[in-house]
All heavy atoms as atom14 arrays in JSON, in Angstrom:
{
  "sequence": "DATDLDPIAVHPLPAQERILTAFANLGFQFRNADCEKGHIRGVRQE",
  "atom14_mask": [
    [1, 1, 1, 1, 1, 1, 1, 1, 0, 0, 0, 0, 0, 0],
    [1, 1, 1, 1, 1, 0, 0, 0, 0, 0, 0, 0, 0, 0],
    [1, 1, 1, 1, 1, 1, 1, 0, 0, 0, 0, 0, 0, 0],
    [1, 1, 1, 1, 1, 1, 1, 1, 0, 0, 0, 0, 0, 0],
    [1, 1, 1, 1, 1, 1, 1, 1, 0, 0, 0, 0, 0, 0],
    [1, 1, 1, 1, 1, 1, 1, 1, 0, 0, 0, 0, 0, 0],
    [1, 1, 1, 1, 1, 1, 1, 0, 0, 0, 0, 0, 0, 0],
    [1, 1, 1, 1, 1, 1, 1, 1, 0, 0, 0, 0, 0, 0],
    [1, 1, 1, 1, 1, 0, 0, 0, 0, 0, 0, 0, 0, 0],
    [1, 1, 1, 1, 1, 1, 1, 0, 0, 0, 0, 0, 0, 0],
    [1, 1, 1, 1, 1, 1, 1, 1, 1, 1, 0, 0, 0, 0],
    [1, 1, 1, 1, 1, 1, 1, 0, 0, 0, 0, 0, 0, 0],
    [1, 1, 1, 1, 1, 1, 1, 1, 0, 0, 0, 0, 0, 0],
    [1, 1, 1, 1, 1, 1, 1, 0, 0, 0, 0, 0, 0, 0],
    [1, 1, 1, 1, 1, 0, 0, 0, 0, 0, 0, 0, 0, 0],
    [1, 1, 1, 1, 1, 1, 1, 1, 1, 0, 0, 0, 0, 0],
    [1, 1, 1, 1, 1, 1, 1, 1, 1, 0, 0, 0, 0, 0],
    [1, 1, 1, 1, 1, 1, 1, 1, 1, 1, 1, 0, 0, 0],
    [1, 1, 1, 1, 1, 1, 1, 1, 0, 0, 0, 0, 0, 0],
    [1, 1, 1, 1, 1, 1, 1, 1, 0, 0, 0, 0, 0, 0],
    [1, 1, 1, 1, 1, 1, 1, 0, 0, 0, 0, 0, 0, 0],
    [1, 1, 1, 1, 1, 0, 0, 0, 0, 0, 0, 0, 0, 0],
    [1, 1, 1, 1, 1, 1, 1, 1, 1, 1, 1, 0, 0, 0],
    [1, 1, 1, 1, 1, 0, 0, 0, 0, 0, 0, 0, 0, 0],
    [1, 1, 1, 1, 1, 1, 1, 1, 0, 0, 0, 0, 0, 0],
    [1, 1, 1, 1, 1, 1, 1, 1, 0, 0, 0, 0, 0, 0],
    [1, 1, 1, 1, 0, 0, 0, 0, 0, 0, 0, 0, 0, 0],
    [1, 1, 1, 1, 1, 1, 1, 1, 1, 1, 1, 0, 0, 0],
    [1, 1, 1, 1, 1, 1, 1, 1, 1, 0, 0, 0, 0, 0],
    [1, 1, 1, 1, 1, 1, 1, 1, 1, 1, 1, 0, 0, 0],
    [1, 1, 1, 1, 1, 1, 1, 1, 1, 1, 1, 0, 0, 0],
    [1, 1, 1, 1, 1, 1, 1, 1, 0, 0, 0, 0, 0, 0],
    [1, 1, 1, 1, 1, 0, 0, 0, 0, 0, 0, 0, 0, 0],
    [1, 1, 1, 1, 1, 1, 1, 1, 0, 0, 0, 0, 0, 0],
    [1, 1, 1, 1, 1, 1, 0, 0, 0, 0, 0, 0, 0, 0],
    [1, 1, 1, 1, 1, 1, 1, 1, 1, 0, 0, 0, 0, 0],
    [1, 1, 1, 1, 1, 1, 1, 1, 1, 0, 0, 0, 0, 0],
    [1, 1, 1, 1, 0, 0, 0, 0, 0, 0, 0, 0, 0, 0],
    [1, 1, 1, 1, 1, 1, 1, 1, 1, 1, 0, 0, 0, 0],
    [1, 1, 1, 1, 1, 1, 1, 1, 0, 0, 0, 0, 0, 0],
    [1, 1, 1, 1, 1, 1, 1, 1, 1, 1, 1, 0, 0, 0],
    [1, 1, 1, 1, 0, 0, 0, 0, 0, 0, 0, 0, 0, 0],
    [1, 1, 1, 1, 1, 1, 1, 0, 0, 0, 0, 0, 0, 0],
    [1, 1, 1, 1, 1, 1, 1, 1, 1, 1, 1, 0, 0, 0],
    [1, 1, 1, 1, 1, 1, 1, 1, 1, 0, 0, 0, 0, 0],
    [1, 1, 1, 1, 1, 1, 1, 1, 1, 0, 0, 0, 0, 0]
  ],
  "atom14_positions": [
    [[144.92, 272.61, 132.89], [145.66, 273.53, 132.05], [145.91, 272.97, 130.67], [146.1, 271.74, 130.49], [147.01, 273.87, 132.71], [146.84, 274.65, 134.02], [145.73, 275.06, 134.27], [147.83, 274.78, 134.76], [0.0, 0.0, 0.0], [0.0, 0.0, 0.0], [0.0, 0.0, 0.0], [0.0, 0.0, 0.0], [0.0, 0.0, 0.0], [0.0, 0.0, 0.0]],
    [[145.92, 273.85, 129.66], [146.17, 273.45, 128.25], [147.62, 273.72, 127.96], [148.22, 274.69, 128.42], [145.29, 274.2, 127.33], [0.0, 0.0, 0.0], [0.0, 0.0, 0.0], [0.0, 0.0, 0.0], [0.0, 0.0, 0.0], [0.0, 0.0, 0.0], [0.0, 0.0, 0.0], [0.0, 0.0, 0.0], [0.0, 0.0, 0.0], [0.0, 0.0, 0.0]],
    [[148.26, 272.83, 127.13], [149.67, 273.02, 126.78], [149.84, 272.72, 125.32], [149.03, 272.06, 124.66], [150.59, 272.08, 127.58], [150.23, 270.68, 127.35], [150.51, 272.38, 129.03], [0.0, 0.0, 0.0], [0.0, 0.0, 0.0], [0.0, 0.0, 0.0], [0.0, 0.0, 0.0], [0.0, 0.0, 0.0], [0.0, 0.0, 0.0], [0.0, 0.0, 0.0]],
    [[150.96, 273.18, 124.75], [151.31, 272.95, 123.38], [152.84, 272.9, 123.34], [153.48, 273.61, 124.08], [150.78, 274.1, 122.46], [150.88, 273.76, 120.99], [151.02, 272.57, 120.67], [150.91, 274.72, 120.19], [0.0, 0.0, 0.0], [0.0, 0.0, 0.0], [0.0, 0.0, 0.0], [0.0, 0.0, 0.0], [0.0, 0.0, 0.0], [0.0, 0.0, 0.0]],
    [[153.37, 272.04, 122.49], [154.86, 271.91, 122.39], [155.25, 271.95, 120.89], [154.74, 271.18, 120.08], [155.34, 270.59, 123.06], [156.82, 270.35, 123.03], [157.53, 271.42, 123.89], [157.19, 268.98, 123.53], [0.0, 0.0, 0.0], [0.0, 0.0, 0.0], [0.0, 0.0, 0.0], [0.0, 0.0, 0.0], [0.0, 0.0, 0.0], [0.0, 0.0, 0.0]],
    [[156.19, 272.83, 120.57], [156.66, 272.99, 119.22], [158.19, 272.85, 119.14], [158.89, 273.59, 119.81], [156.22, 274.36, 118.66], [154.71, 274.5, 118.64], [154.18, 274.19, 117.56], [154.09, 274.94, 119.61], [0.0, 0.0, 0.0], [0.0, 0.0, 0.0], [0.0, 0.0, 0.0], [0.0, 0.0, 0.0], [0.0, 0.0, 0.0], [0.0, 0.0, 0.0]],
    [[158.7, 271.9, 118.34], [160.12, 271.75, 118.31], [160.79, 272.88, 117.59], [160.19, 273.49, 116.66], [160.31, 270.41, 117.53], [159.04, 270.27, 116.68], [157.95, 270.95, 117.56], [0.0, 0.0, 0.0], [0.0, 0.0, 0.0], [0.0, 0.0, 0.0], [0.0, 0.0, 0.0], [0.0, 0.0, 0.0], [0.0, 0.0, 0.0], [0.0, 0.0, 0.0]],
    [[162.02, 273.26, 117.96], [162.83, 274.24, 117.25], [164.16, 273.6, 116.91], [164.57, 272.63, 117.5], [163.04, 275.52, 118.07], [163.82, 275.23, 119.38], [161.73, 276.23, 118.39], [164.22, 276.46, 120.12], [0.0, 0.0, 0.0], [0.0, 0.0, 0.0], [0.0, 0.0, 0.0], [0.0, 0.0, 0.0], [0.0, 0.0, 0.0], [0.0, 0.0, 0.0]],
    [[164.84, 274.18, 115.94], [166.13, 273.71, 115.48], [167.19, 274.69, 115.88], [167.18, 275.86, 115.4], [166.13, 273.51, 113.97], [0.0, 0.0, 0.0], [0.0, 0.0, 0.0], [0.0, 0.0, 0.0], [0.0, 0.0, 0.0], [0.0, 0.0, 0.0], [0.0, 0.0, 0.0], [0.0, 0.0, 0.0], [0.0, 0.0, 0.0], [0.0, 0.0, 0.0]],
    [[168.12, 274.29, 116.73], [169.2, 275.19, 117.19], [170.46, 274.79, 116.42], [171.03, 273.75, 116.61], [169.43, 275.05, 118.72], [170.51, 275.99, 119.16], [168.11, 275.26, 119.5], [0.0, 0.0, 0.0], [0.0, 0.0, 0.0], [0.0, 0.0, 0.0], [0.0, 0.0, 0.0], [0.0, 0.0, 0.0], [0.0, 0.0, 0.0], [0.0, 0.0, 0.0]],
    [[170.88, 275.71, 115.53], [172.03, 275.49, 114.7], [173.32, 276.1, 115.39], [173.24, 277.01, 116.19], [171.82, 276.09, 113.31], [170.64, 275.55, 112.61], [170.73, 274.47, 111.73], [169.33, 275.93, 112.6], [169.53, 274.2, 111.28], [168.69, 275.05, 111.79], [0.0, 0.0, 0.0], [0.0, 0.0, 0.0], [0.0, 0.0, 0.0], [0.0, 0.0, 0.0]],
    [[174.51, 275.61, 115.05], [175.7, 276.08, 115.66], [176.03, 277.53, 115.34], [175.72, 278.01, 114.27], [176.83, 275.15, 115.14], [176.14, 274.07, 114.43], [174.79, 274.53, 114.03], [0.0, 0.0, 0.0], [0.0, 0.0, 0.0], [0.0, 0.0, 0.0], [0.0, 0.0, 0.0], [0.0, 0.0, 0.0], [0.0, 0.0, 0.0], [0.0, 0.0, 0.0]],
    [[176.65, 278.22, 116.28], [177.34, 279.47, 116.04], [178.51, 279.22, 115.06], [179.02, 278.09, 114.99], [177.84, 280.11, 117.29], [176.77, 280.48, 118.32], [177.4, 280.75, 119.69], [175.94, 281.68, 117.86], [0.0, 0.0, 0.0], [0.0, 0.0, 0.0], [0.0, 0.0, 0.0], [0.0, 0.0, 0.0], [0.0, 0.0, 0.0], [0.0, 0.0, 0.0]],
    [[178.98, 280.24, 114.33], [180.11, 280.0, 113.37], [181.32, 279.34, 114.06], [181.94, 278.46, 113.49], [180.39, 281.43, 112.9], [179.09, 282.12, 112.97], [178.41, 281.63, 114.18], [0.0, 0.0, 0.0], [0.0, 0.0, 0.0], [0.0, 0.0, 0.0], [0.0, 0.0, 0.0], [0.0, 0.0, 0.0], [0.0, 0.0, 0.0], [0.0, 0.0, 0.0]],
    [[181.67, 279.77, 115.3], [182.79, 279.18, 115.98], [182.58, 277.76, 116.32], [183.47, 276.89, 116.27], [183.11, 280.03, 117.24], [0.0, 0.0, 0.0], [0.0, 0.0, 0.0], [0.0, 0.0, 0.0], [0.0, 0.0, 0.0], [0.0, 0.0, 0.0], [0.0, 0.0, 0.0], [0.0, 0.0, 0.0], [0.0, 0.0, 0.0], [0.0, 0.0, 0.0]],
    [[181.34, 277.44, 116.71], [181.02, 275.98, 117.09], [181.1, 275.17, 115.81], [181.63, 274.07, 115.8], [179.66, 275.93, 117.64], [179.5, 276.6, 119.06], [178.09, 276.66, 119.52], [177.16, 276.79, 118.77], [177.91, 276.64, 120.88], [0.0, 0.0, 0.0], [0.0, 0.0, 0.0], [0.0, 0.0, 0.0], [0.0, 0.0, 0.0], [0.0, 0.0, 0.0]],
    [[180.55, 275.68, 114.72], [180.5, 274.95, 113.46], [181.96, 274.68, 112.99], [182.29, 273.64, 112.48], [179.75, 275.74, 112.4], [179.66, 275.03, 111.07], [178.77, 275.78, 110.08], [177.6, 276.01, 110.45], [179.25, 276.05, 108.98], [0.0, 0.0, 0.0], [0.0, 0.0, 0.0], [0.0, 0.0, 0.0], [0.0, 0.0, 0.0], [0.0, 0.0, 0.0]],
    [[182.88, 275.7, 113.14], [184.25, 275.53, 112.71], [184.91, 274.41, 113.47], [185.7, 273.61, 112.89], [185.01, 276.86, 112.91], [186.46, 276.76, 112.51], [186.62, 276.57, 111.01], [188.04, 276.36, 110.65], [188.62, 275.15, 110.57], [187.89, 274.05, 110.85], [189.87, 275.0, 110.24], [0.0, 0.0, 0.0], [0.0, 0.0, 0.0], [0.0, 0.0, 0.0]],
    [[184.72, 274.3, 114.81], [185.34, 273.26, 115.59], [184.75, 271.88, 115.26], [185.53, 270.88, 115.13], [185.27, 273.58, 117.08], [186.15, 274.78, 117.36], [185.62, 272.37, 117.93], [186.07, 275.25, 118.83], [0.0, 0.0, 0.0], [0.0, 0.0, 0.0], [0.0, 0.0, 0.0], [0.0, 0.0, 0.0], [0.0, 0.0, 0.0], [0.0, 0.0, 0.0]],
    [[183.48, 271.8, 115.1], [182.84, 270.5, 114.76], [183.31, 270.07, 113.34], [183.56, 268.9, 113.08], [181.35, 270.66, 114.76], [180.73, 270.89, 116.16], [179.24, 271.06, 116.06], [181.06, 269.76, 117.13], [0.0, 0.0, 0.0], [0.0, 0.0, 0.0], [0.0, 0.0, 0.0], [0.0, 0.0, 0.0], [0.0, 0.0, 0.0], [0.0, 0.0, 0.0]],
    [[183.47, 271.06, 112.44], [184.0, 270.69, 111.08], [185.4, 270.17, 111.15], [185.77, 269.26, 110.44], [183.89, 271.97, 110.18], [182.55, 272.34, 110.02], [184.44, 271.63, 108.8], [0.0, 0.0, 0.0], [0.0, 0.0, 0.0], [0.0, 0.0, 0.0], [0.0, 0.0, 0.0], [0.0, 0.0, 0.0], [0.0, 0.0, 0.0], [0.0, 0.0, 0.0]],
    [[186.2, 270.77, 112.08], [187.59, 270.31, 112.2], [187.64, 268.9, 112.68], [188.51, 268.1, 112.16], [188.33, 271.24, 113.18], [0.0, 0.0, 0.0], [0.0, 0.0, 0.0], [0.0, 0.0, 0.0], [0.0, 0.0, 0.0], [0.0, 0.0, 0.0], [0.0, 0.0, 0.0], [0.0, 0.0, 0.0], [0.0, 0.0, 0.0], [0.0, 0.0, 0.0]],
    [[186.8, 268.5, 113.59], [186.78, 267.09, 114.02], [186.42, 266.18, 112.85], [186.95, 265.05, 112.72], [185.85, 266.93, 115.23], [186.49, 267.27, 116.53], [186.02, 268.25, 117.31], [187.54, 266.5, 117.02], [186.58, 268.64, 118.53], [188.15, 266.82, 118.25], [187.66, 267.87, 119.0], [0.0, 0.0, 0.0], [0.0, 0.0, 0.0], [0.0, 0.0, 0.0]],
    [[185.41, 266.6, 112.06], [185.0, 265.78, 110.9], [186.18, 265.69, 109.96], [186.45, 264.59, 109.41], [183.8, 266.42, 110.24], [0.0, 0.0, 0.0], [0.0, 0.0, 0.0], [0.0, 0.0, 0.0], [0.0, 0.0, 0.0], [0.0, 0.0, 0.0], [0.0, 0.0, 0.0], [0.0, 0.0, 0.0], [0.0, 0.0, 0.0], [0.0, 0.0, 0.0]],
    [[186.91, 266.75, 109.71], [188.05, 266.74, 108.82], [189.18, 265.82, 109.36], [189.99, 265.33, 108.57], [188.62, 268.16, 108.61], [187.71, 269.02, 107.8], [186.79, 268.5, 107.11], [187.85, 270.32, 107.87], [0.0, 0.0, 0.0], [0.0, 0.0, 0.0], [0.0, 0.0, 0.0], [0.0, 0.0, 0.0], [0.0, 0.0, 0.0], [0.0, 0.0, 0.0]],
    [[189.23, 265.67, 110.65], [190.31, 264.75, 111.25], [189.87, 263.31, 111.25], [190.59, 262.44, 111.68], [190.55, 265.22, 112.7], [191.32, 266.59, 112.91], [191.34, 266.96, 114.41], [192.73, 266.45, 112.35], [0.0, 0.0, 0.0], [0.0, 0.0, 0.0], [0.0, 0.0, 0.0], [0.0, 0.0, 0.0], [0.0, 0.0, 0.0], [0.0, 0.0, 0.0]],
    [[188.65, 263.08, 110.77], [188.19, 261.68, 110.63], [187.24, 261.2, 111.72], [186.83, 260.01, 111.72], [0.0, 0.0, 0.0], [0.0, 0.0, 0.0], [0.0, 0.0, 0.0], [0.0, 0.0, 0.0], [0.0, 0.0, 0.0], [0.0, 0.0, 0.0], [0.0, 0.0, 0.0], [0.0, 0.0, 0.0], [0.0, 0.0, 0.0], [0.0, 0.0, 0.0]],
    [[186.86, 262.07, 112.67], [185.95, 261.63, 113.73], [184.52, 261.56, 113.14], [184.12, 262.42, 112.41], [185.98, 262.63, 114.9], [187.23, 262.54, 115.77], [188.43, 263.14, 115.41], [187.18, 261.75, 116.87], [189.55, 262.96, 116.18], [188.33, 261.59, 117.71], [189.51, 262.22, 117.31], [0.0, 0.0, 0.0], [0.0, 0.0, 0.0], [0.0, 0.0, 0.0]],
    [[183.79, 260.52, 113.56], [182.45, 260.33, 113.06], [181.46, 260.56, 114.23], [181.62, 259.97, 115.3], [182.28, 258.88, 112.51], [183.13, 258.63, 111.32], [182.89, 257.27, 110.72], [182.32, 256.38, 111.33], [183.32, 257.05, 109.47], [0.0, 0.0, 0.0], [0.0, 0.0, 0.0], [0.0, 0.0, 0.0], [0.0, 0.0, 0.0], [0.0, 0.0, 0.0]],
    [[180.42, 261.37, 113.92], [179.37, 261.67, 114.88], [178.72, 260.35, 115.36], [178.34, 259.51, 114.54], [178.35, 262.62, 114.36], [177.18, 262.82, 115.2], [177.3, 263.6, 116.33], [175.96, 262.27, 114.94], [176.19, 263.84, 117.16], [174.83, 262.47, 115.71], [174.99, 263.27, 116.88], [0.0, 0.0, 0.0], [0.0, 0.0, 0.0], [0.0, 0.0, 0.0]],
    [[178.56, 260.2, 116.68], [177.89, 259.02, 117.28], [176.54, 259.37, 117.85], [175.55, 258.74, 117.52], [178.78, 258.47, 118.33], [178.13, 257.27, 119.13], [179.02, 256.76, 120.26], [178.41, 255.69, 120.97], [177.67, 255.83, 122.07], [177.45, 257.05, 122.53], [177.18, 254.77, 122.64], [0.0, 0.0, 0.0], [0.0, 0.0, 0.0], [0.0, 0.0, 0.0]],
    [[176.48, 260.39, 118.7], [175.23, 260.76, 119.41], [175.46, 262.05, 120.11], [176.58, 262.55, 120.26], [174.9, 259.69, 120.43], [173.49, 259.82, 120.96], [172.52, 259.98, 120.19], [173.34, 259.82, 122.26], [0.0, 0.0, 0.0], [0.0, 0.0, 0.0], [0.0, 0.0, 0.0], [0.0, 0.0, 0.0], [0.0, 0.0, 0.0], [0.0, 0.0, 0.0]],
    [[174.38, 262.68, 120.54], [174.42, 263.89, 121.31], [173.41, 263.82, 122.44], [172.23, 263.44, 122.09], [174.21, 265.17, 120.45], [0.0, 0.0, 0.0], [0.0, 0.0, 0.0], [0.0, 0.0, 0.0], [0.0, 0.0, 0.0], [0.0, 0.0, 0.0], [0.0, 0.0, 0.0], [0.0, 0.0, 0.0], [0.0, 0.0, 0.0], [0.0, 0.0, 0.0]],
    [[173.73, 264.13, 123.64], [172.74, 264.16, 124.72], [173.1, 265.23, 125.7], [174.12, 265.87, 125.62], [172.64, 262.8, 125.41], [173.92, 262.36, 126.09], [174.85, 263.21, 126.27], [174.06, 261.2, 126.48], [0.0, 0.0, 0.0], [0.0, 0.0, 0.0], [0.0, 0.0, 0.0], [0.0, 0.0, 0.0], [0.0, 0.0, 0.0], [0.0, 0.0, 0.0]],
    [[172.16, 265.46, 126.61], [172.34, 266.53, 127.65], [172.41, 265.85, 128.99], [171.57, 264.96, 129.27], [171.2, 267.5, 127.57], [171.21, 268.49, 126.03], [0.0, 0.0, 0.0], [0.0, 0.0, 0.0], [0.0, 0.0, 0.0], [0.0, 0.0, 0.0], [0.0, 0.0, 0.0], [0.0, 0.0, 0.0], [0.0, 0.0, 0.0], [0.0, 0.0, 0.0]],
    [[173.37, 266.29, 129.81], [173.51, 265.76, 131.16], [173.19, 266.84, 132.18], [173.65, 267.96, 132.06], [174.98, 265.3, 131.36], [175.49, 264.28, 130.32], [175.07, 262.9, 130.69], [174.68, 262.66, 131.87], [175.13, 262.06, 129.79], [0.0, 0.0, 0.0], [0.0, 0.0, 0.0], [0.0, 0.0, 0.0], [0.0, 0.0, 0.0], [0.0, 0.0, 0.0]],
    [[172.33, 266.47, 133.18], [172.03, 267.46, 134.2], [173.25, 267.54, 135.11], [173.89, 266.62, 135.51], [170.85, 266.98, 134.99], [170.37, 268.03, 136.02], [169.11, 267.64, 136.77], [168.71, 268.75, 137.72], [167.47, 268.36, 138.51], [0.0, 0.0, 0.0], [0.0, 0.0, 0.0], [0.0, 0.0, 0.0], [0.0, 0.0, 0.0], [0.0, 0.0, 0.0]],
    [[173.57, 268.84, 135.52], [174.71, 269.09, 136.36], [175.55, 270.19, 135.82], [175.22, 270.85, 134.85], [0.0, 0.0, 0.0], [0.0, 0.0, 0.0], [0.0, 0.0, 0.0], [0.0, 0.0, 0.0], [0.0, 0.0, 0.0], [0.0, 0.0, 0.0], [0.0, 0.0, 0.0], [0.0, 0.0, 0.0], [0.0, 0.0, 0.0], [0.0, 0.0, 0.0]],
    [[176.69, 270.48, 136.52], [177.6, 271.54, 136.17], [178.98, 270.98, 135.96], [179.42, 270.05, 136.7], [177.61, 272.61, 137.23], [176.31, 273.45, 137.23], [175.16, 272.95, 137.78], [176.05, 274.68, 136.79], [174.23, 273.89, 137.67], [174.73, 274.97, 137.04], [0.0, 0.0, 0.0], [0.0, 0.0, 0.0], [0.0, 0.0, 0.0], [0.0, 0.0, 0.0]],
    [[179.71, 271.56, 135.05], [181.07, 271.18, 134.78], [181.96, 271.96, 135.76], [181.89, 273.19, 135.84], [181.45, 271.52, 133.36], [180.51, 270.79, 132.38], [182.92, 271.07, 133.11], [180.68, 271.23, 130.95], [0.0, 0.0, 0.0], [0.0, 0.0, 0.0], [0.0, 0.0, 0.0], [0.0, 0.0, 0.0], [0.0, 0.0, 0.0], [0.0, 0.0, 0.0]],
    [[182.76, 271.27, 136.51], [183.67, 271.88, 137.47], [184.59, 272.94, 136.83], [185.21, 272.64, 135.84], [184.5, 270.87, 138.2], [185.31, 271.41, 139.35], [186.14, 270.29, 140.03], [185.26, 269.34, 140.65], [185.17, 268.02, 140.27], [185.85, 267.63, 139.2], [184.36, 267.23, 140.9], [0.0, 0.0, 0.0], [0.0, 0.0, 0.0], [0.0, 0.0, 0.0]],
    [[184.54, 274.14, 137.36], [185.43, 275.19, 136.9], [184.87, 276.02, 135.67], [185.58, 276.89, 135.2], [0.0, 0.0, 0.0], [0.0, 0.0, 0.0], [0.0, 0.0, 0.0], [0.0, 0.0, 0.0], [0.0, 0.0, 0.0], [0.0, 0.0, 0.0], [0.0, 0.0, 0.0], [0.0, 0.0, 0.0], [0.0, 0.0, 0.0], [0.0, 0.0, 0.0]],
    [[183.67, 275.69, 135.28], [183.11, 276.35, 134.06], [181.84, 277.12, 134.57], [181.0, 276.52, 135.23], [182.74, 275.37, 132.98], [182.06, 276.11, 131.82], [183.99, 274.73, 132.43], [0.0, 0.0, 0.0], [0.0, 0.0, 0.0], [0.0, 0.0, 0.0], [0.0, 0.0, 0.0], [0.0, 0.0, 0.0], [0.0, 0.0, 0.0], [0.0, 0.0, 0.0]],
    [[181.72, 278.37, 134.18], [180.57, 279.17, 134.55], [179.38, 278.76, 133.67], [179.41, 278.91, 132.51], [180.87, 280.65, 134.4], [179.67, 281.59, 134.65], [180.1, 283.03, 134.76], [180.79, 283.45, 133.5], [180.13, 283.96, 132.47], [178.81, 284.05, 132.46], [180.82, 284.32, 131.38], [0.0, 0.0, 0.0], [0.0, 0.0, 0.0], [0.0, 0.0, 0.0]],
    [[178.28, 278.28, 134.34], [177.09, 277.86, 133.63], [175.9, 278.59, 134.24], [175.81, 278.78, 135.47], [176.89, 276.37, 133.78], [177.74, 275.47, 132.93], [177.46, 274.01, 133.23], [178.32, 273.31, 133.7], [176.24, 273.58, 132.96], [0.0, 0.0, 0.0], [0.0, 0.0, 0.0], [0.0, 0.0, 0.0], [0.0, 0.0, 0.0], [0.0, 0.0, 0.0]],
    [[174.93, 278.88, 133.38], [173.66, 279.4, 133.86], [172.55, 278.36, 133.81], [171.67, 278.34, 134.64], [173.22, 280.63, 133.04], [174.11, 281.84, 133.22], [173.6, 283.08, 132.49], [172.51, 283.0, 131.84], [174.25, 284.12, 132.55], [0.0, 0.0, 0.0], [0.0, 0.0, 0.0], [0.0, 0.0, 0.0], [0.0, 0.0, 0.0], [0.0, 0.0, 0.0]]
  ]
}
C-alpha cells in the first residue's frame, strides 16, 4: 500500500486562546505539550 502524510496546524478556539493568554499574563511560561492515551475520569471524551 502507498501512503502520504501531511502536517496540519490546529490553532486554538477563541475561548481556548483566551485562557492560555490568561496563564501567560499571570506569568506562566510554556514548557511542553503532549498527548496521553486514556480518558479523564468524569469527562466525556470521544
